[in-house]
């Protein structure tokens, strides 16, 4: 069995699961779905800093990572937002994630950083678009017309 050929699909499955979980987290905070925001059980008020903006990043970046579209920039933004969440929201409560409730922020931060570095995998819209761009024929170069002397 050739294990190296499993890398692309495995990375894609990892990206899909992480993107789906992040999207669901964003949906719960932005729209109050699935039990709402974990702290209040309701949607975060529109425009509230930083909660609503973080939830919007979770929703949009999660959906982009899930689809594999603009994967690297979306994953980098998601990773940064989770680093911010850990250091600003959780870390003041204690250094270790088990003490400050920041396990999810830390896991998402490192997961998205991994996706940003390794890319979307073989099952992604980014990969499909890159293949289509490589297969597209280049425009023919027009021959210069001869000028009568």
C-alpha atoms as a PDB file:
ATOM      1  CA  UNK A   1       0.000   0.000   0.000  1.00  0.00           C
ATOM      2  CA  UNK A   2       1.330   3.396  -0.998  1.00  0.00           C
ATOM      3  CA  UNK A   3       0.801   5.527   2.114  1.00  0.00           C
ATOM      4  CA  UNK A   4       2.078   8.732   0.499  1.00  0.00           C
ATOM      5  CA  UNK A   5      -0.986   8.937  -1.740  1.00  0.00           C
ATOM      6  CA  UNK A   6      -3.216   9.191   1.355  1.00  0.00           C
ATOM      7  CA  UNK A   7      -1.727  12.535   2.416  1.00  0.00           C
ATOM      8  CA  UNK A   8      -3.930  14.753   0.221  1.00  0.00           C
ATOM      9  CA  UNK A   9      -7.245  13.092   1.063  1.00  0.00           C
ATOM     10  CA  UNK A  10      -6.349  12.847   4.766  1.00  0.00           C
ATOM     11  CA  UNK A  11      -5.451  16.538   4.918  1.00  0.00           C
ATOM     12  CA  UNK A  12      -8.699  17.323   3.102  1.00  0.00           C
ATOM     13  CA  UNK A  13     -10.767  15.352   5.609  1.00  0.00           C
ATOM     14  CA  UNK A  14      -8.967  17.092   8.489  1.00  0.00           C
ATOM     15  CA  UNK A  15      -9.647  20.503   6.887  1.00  0.00           C
ATOM     16  CA  UNK A  16     -13.314  19.628   6.294  1.00  0.00           C
ATOM     17  CA  UNK A  17     -13.909  18.527   9.901  1.00  0.00           C
ATOM     18  CA  UNK A  18     -12.120  21.551  11.412  1.00  0.00           C
ATOM     19  CA  UNK A  19     -13.943  23.919   9.024  1.00  0.00           C
ATOM     20  CA  UNK A  20     -17.317  22.353   9.819  1.00  0.00           C
ATOM     21  CA  UNK A  21     -16.788  22.584  13.579  1.00  0.00           C
ATOM     22  CA  UNK A  22     -15.667  26.213  13.317  1.00  0.00           C
ATOM     23  CA  UNK A  23     -18.641  27.073  11.070  1.00  0.00           C
ATOM     24  CA  UNK A  24     -21.069  25.491  13.533  1.00  0.00           C
ATOM     25  CA  UNK A  25     -19.462  27.470  16.365  1.00  0.00           C
ATOM     26  CA  UNK A  26     -19.938  30.655  14.333  1.00  0.00           C
ATOM     27  CA  UNK A  27     -23.556  29.801  13.489  1.00  0.00           C
ATOM     28  CA  UNK A  28     -24.362  29.286  17.155  1.00  0.00           C
ATOM     29  CA  UNK A  29     -22.916  32.658  18.131  1.00  0.00           C
ATOM     30  CA  UNK A  30     -24.119  34.759  15.180  1.00  0.00           C
ATOM     31  CA  UNK A  31     -27.633  33.326  14.809  1.00  0.00           C
ATOM     32  CA  UNK A  32     -28.216  31.580  18.142  1.00  0.00           C
ATOM     33  CA  UNK A  33     -28.544  28.173  16.474  1.00  0.00           C
ATOM     34  CA  UNK A  34     -27.640  24.862  18.140  1.00  0.00           C
ATOM     35  CA  UNK A  35     -28.132  26.234  21.643  1.00  0.00           C
ATOM     36  CA  UNK A  36     -26.661  29.670  20.969  1.00  0.00           C
ATOM     37  CA  UNK A  37     -23.459  31.164  22.279  1.00  0.00           C
ATOM     38  CA  UNK A  38     -21.866  28.795  24.812  1.00  0.00           C
ATOM     39  CA  UNK A  39     -21.785  31.528  27.497  1.00  0.00           C
ATOM     40  CA  UNK A  40     -25.296  32.963  27.162  1.00  0.00           C
ATOM     41  CA  UNK A  41     -27.273  30.445  25.098  1.00  0.00           C
ATOM     42  CA  UNK A  42     -28.329  33.230  22.745  1.00  0.00           C
ATOM     43  CA  UNK A  43     -26.934  35.007  19.705  1.00  0.00           C
ATOM     44  CA  UNK A  44     -24.205  37.567  20.360  1.00  0.00           C
ATOM     45  CA  UNK A  45     -25.582  41.113  19.857  1.00  0.00           C
ATOM     46  CA  UNK A  46     -24.741  42.437  16.386  1.00  0.00           C
ATOM     47  CA  UNK A  47     -21.574  44.521  16.344  1.00  0.00           C
ATOM     48  CA  UNK A  48     -20.571  43.712  19.942  1.00  0.00           C
ATOM     49  CA  UNK A  49     -16.789  43.805  20.336  1.00  0.00           C
ATOM     50  CA  UNK A  50     -15.078  41.368  20.260  1.00  0.00           C
ATOM     51  CA  UNK A  51     -17.678  38.583  20.471  1.00  0.00           C
ATOM     52  CA  UNK A  52     -19.775  39.291  17.401  1.00  0.00           C
ATOM     53  CA  UNK A  53     -16.742  39.971  15.208  1.00  0.00           C
ATOM     54  CA  UNK A  54     -15.078  36.784  16.421  1.00  0.00           C
ATOM     55  CA  UNK A  55     -18.266  34.856  15.653  1.00  0.00           C
ATOM     56  CA  UNK A  56     -18.391  36.384  12.173  1.00  0.00           C
ATOM     57  CA  UNK A  57     -14.784  35.304  11.572  1.00  0.00           C
ATOM     58  CA  UNK A  58     -15.710  31.823  12.790  1.00  0.00           C
ATOM     59  CA  UNK A  59     -18.662  31.652  10.423  1.00  0.00           C
ATOM     60  CA  UNK A  60     -16.983  33.043   7.294  1.00  0.00           C
ATOM     61  CA  UNK A  61     -13.520  31.531   7.729  1.00  0.00           C
ATOM     62  CA  UNK A  62     -14.993  28.215   8.838  1.00  0.00           C
ATOM     63  CA  UNK A  63     -17.157  28.041   5.700  1.00  0.00           C
ATOM     64  CA  UNK A  64     -14.222  28.985   3.449  1.00  0.00           C
ATOM     65  CA  UNK A  65     -11.950  26.388   5.051  1.00  0.00           C
ATOM     66  CA  UNK A  66     -14.726  23.799   4.872  1.00  0.00           C
ATOM     67  CA  UNK A  67     -15.128  24.413   1.135  1.00  0.00           C
ATOM     68  CA  UNK A  68     -11.397  24.686   0.549  1.00  0.00           C
ATOM     69  CA  UNK A  69     -11.746  28.151  -0.997  1.00  0.00           C
ATOM     70  CA  UNK A  70      -9.137  30.813  -0.148  1.00  0.00           C
ATOM     71  CA  UNK A  71      -8.062  28.203   2.363  1.00  0.00           C
ATOM     72  CA  UNK A  72      -4.669  29.527   3.423  1.00  0.00           C
ATOM     73  CA  UNK A  73      -5.712  33.162   4.103  1.00  0.00           C
ATOM     74  CA  UNK A  74      -8.953  32.064   5.796  1.00  0.00           C
ATOM     75  CA  UNK A  75      -7.104  29.552   7.979  1.00  0.00           C
ATOM     76  CA  UNK A  76      -4.474  32.147   8.897  1.00  0.00           C
ATOM     77  CA  UNK A  77      -7.150  34.662   9.934  1.00  0.00           C
ATOM     78  CA  UNK A  78      -8.986  31.969  11.909  1.00  0.00           C
ATOM     79  CA  UNK A  79      -5.755  30.928  13.632  1.00  0.00           C
ATOM     80  CA  UNK A  80      -4.983  34.523  14.575  1.00  0.00           C
ATOM     81  CA  UNK A  81      -8.473  35.093  15.936  1.00  0.00           C
ATOM     82  CA  UNK A  82      -8.159  32.005  18.127  1.00  0.00           C
ATOM     83  CA  UNK A  83      -4.727  33.120  19.359  1.00  0.00           C
ATOM     84  CA  UNK A  84      -6.323  36.463  20.268  1.00  0.00           C
ATOM     85  CA  UNK A  85      -9.164  34.643  22.034  1.00  0.00           C
ATOM     86  CA  UNK A  86      -6.722  32.544  24.023  1.00  0.00           C
ATOM     87  CA  UNK A  87      -4.405  35.340  25.123  1.00  0.00           C
ATOM     88  CA  UNK A  88      -7.012  38.066  25.698  1.00  0.00           C
ATOM     89  CA  UNK A  89     -10.018  36.101  26.972  1.00  0.00           C
ATOM     90  CA  UNK A  90      -8.650  32.907  28.531  1.00  0.00           C
ATOM     91  CA  UNK A  91      -5.012  33.429  29.529  1.00  0.00           C
ATOM     92  CA  UNK A  92      -5.743  36.149  32.139  1.00  0.00           C
ATOM     93  CA  UNK A  93      -7.730  33.483  34.052  1.00  0.00           C
ATOM     94  CA  UNK A  94      -4.662  31.232  34.304  1.00  0.00           C
ATOM     95  CA  UNK A  95      -1.689  30.115  32.238  1.00  0.00           C
ATOM     96  CA  UNK A  96      -2.701  26.555  31.375  1.00  0.00           C
ATOM     97  CA  UNK A  97      -5.645  25.859  29.030  1.00  0.00           C
ATOM     98  CA  UNK A  98      -7.108  23.279  31.416  1.00  0.00           C
ATOM     99  CA  UNK A  99      -7.279  25.958  34.103  1.00  0.00           C
ATOM    100  CA  UNK A 100      -8.563  28.852  32.006  1.00  0.00           C
ATOM    101  CA  UNK A 101     -11.057  27.098  29.682  1.00  0.00           C
ATOM    102  CA  UNK A 102      -9.035  27.870  26.573  1.00  0.00           C
ATOM    103  CA  UNK A 103      -8.559  24.327  25.242  1.00  0.00           C
ATOM    104  CA  UNK A 104     -10.868  24.894  22.276  1.00  0.00           C
ATOM    105  CA  UNK A 105      -9.198  28.191  21.362  1.00  0.00           C
ATOM    106  CA  UNK A 106      -5.749  26.596  21.524  1.00  0.00           C
ATOM    107  CA  UNK A 107      -6.813  23.566  19.480  1.00  0.00           C
ATOM    108  CA  UNK A 108      -8.470  25.680  16.791  1.00  0.00           C
ATOM    109  CA  UNK A 109      -5.493  28.067  16.698  1.00  0.00           C
ATOM    110  CA  UNK A 110      -2.959  25.294  16.049  1.00  0.00           C
ATOM    111  CA  UNK A 111      -5.302  23.369  13.739  1.00  0.00           C
ATOM    112  CA  UNK A 112      -5.830  26.358  11.481  1.00  0.00           C
ATOM    113  CA  UNK A 113      -2.136  27.196  11.527  1.00  0.00           C
ATOM    114  CA  UNK A 114      -1.429  23.654  10.317  1.00  0.00           C
ATOM    115  CA  UNK A 115      -3.988  24.050   7.513  1.00  0.00           C
ATOM    116  CA  UNK A 116      -2.526  27.443   6.541  1.00  0.00           C
ATOM    117  CA  UNK A 117       0.954  25.932   6.286  1.00  0.00           C
ATOM    118  CA  UNK A 118       0.103  22.609   4.613  1.00  0.00           C
ATOM    119  CA  UNK A 119      -2.688  23.848   2.336  1.00  0.00           C
ATOM    120  CA  UNK A 120      -6.163  22.512   1.631  1.00  0.00           C
ATOM    121  CA  UNK A 121      -5.362  18.993   0.453  1.00  0.00           C
ATOM    122  CA  UNK A 122      -6.467  17.377  -2.763  1.00  0.00           C
ATOM    123  CA  UNK A 123     -10.250  17.654  -2.248  1.00  0.00           C
ATOM    124  CA  UNK A 124     -10.668  21.437  -2.244  1.00  0.00           C
ATOM    125  CA  UNK A 125     -12.026  24.156  -4.490  1.00  0.00           C
ATOM    126  CA  UNK A 126      -8.595  25.825  -4.407  1.00  0.00           C
ATOM    127  CA  UNK A 127      -7.043  22.655  -5.838  1.00  0.00           C
ATOM    128  CA  UNK A 128      -9.764  22.338  -8.478  1.00  0.00           C
ATOM    129  CA  UNK A 129      -9.348  25.965  -9.549  1.00  0.00           C
ATOM    130  CA  UNK A 130      -5.560  25.586  -9.710  1.00  0.00           C
ATOM    131  CA  UNK A 131      -5.928  22.516 -11.949  1.00  0.00           C
ATOM    132  CA  UNK A 132      -8.372  24.319 -14.238  1.00  0.00           C
ATOM    133  CA  UNK A 133      -6.008  27.279 -14.501  1.00  0.00           C
ATOM    134  CA  UNK A 134      -3.114  25.000 -15.404  1.00  0.00           C
ATOM    135  CA  UNK A 135      -5.183  23.148 -18.020  1.00  0.00           C
ATOM    136  CA  UNK A 136      -6.551  26.292 -19.686  1.00  0.00           C
ATOM    137  CA  UNK A 137      -5.012  26.927 -23.072  1.00  0.00           C
ATOM    138  CA  UNK A 138      -3.018  30.102 -23.304  1.00  0.00           C
ATOM    139  CA  UNK A 139      -4.240  32.800 -25.655  1.00  0.00           C
ATOM    140  CA  UNK A 140      -2.630  32.571 -29.067  1.00  0.00           C
ATOM    141  CA  UNK A 141      -0.103  35.253 -29.831  1.00  0.00           C
ATOM    142  CA  UNK A 142      -1.040  37.216 -32.911  1.00  0.00           C
ATOM    143  CA  UNK A 143       1.543  37.264 -35.668  1.00  0.00           C
ATOM    144  CA  UNK A 144       2.572  40.746 -36.661  1.00  0.00           C
ATOM    145  CA  UNK A 145       1.069  41.707 -39.976  1.00  0.00           C
ATOM    146  CA  UNK A 146       3.412  42.458 -42.781  1.00  0.00           C
ATOM    147  CA  UNK A 147       3.575  46.071 -43.773  1.00  0.00           C
ATOM    148  CA  UNK A 148       3.775  46.729 -47.510  1.00  0.00           C
ATOM    149  CA  UNK A 149       6.873  48.632 -48.474  1.00  0.00           C
END
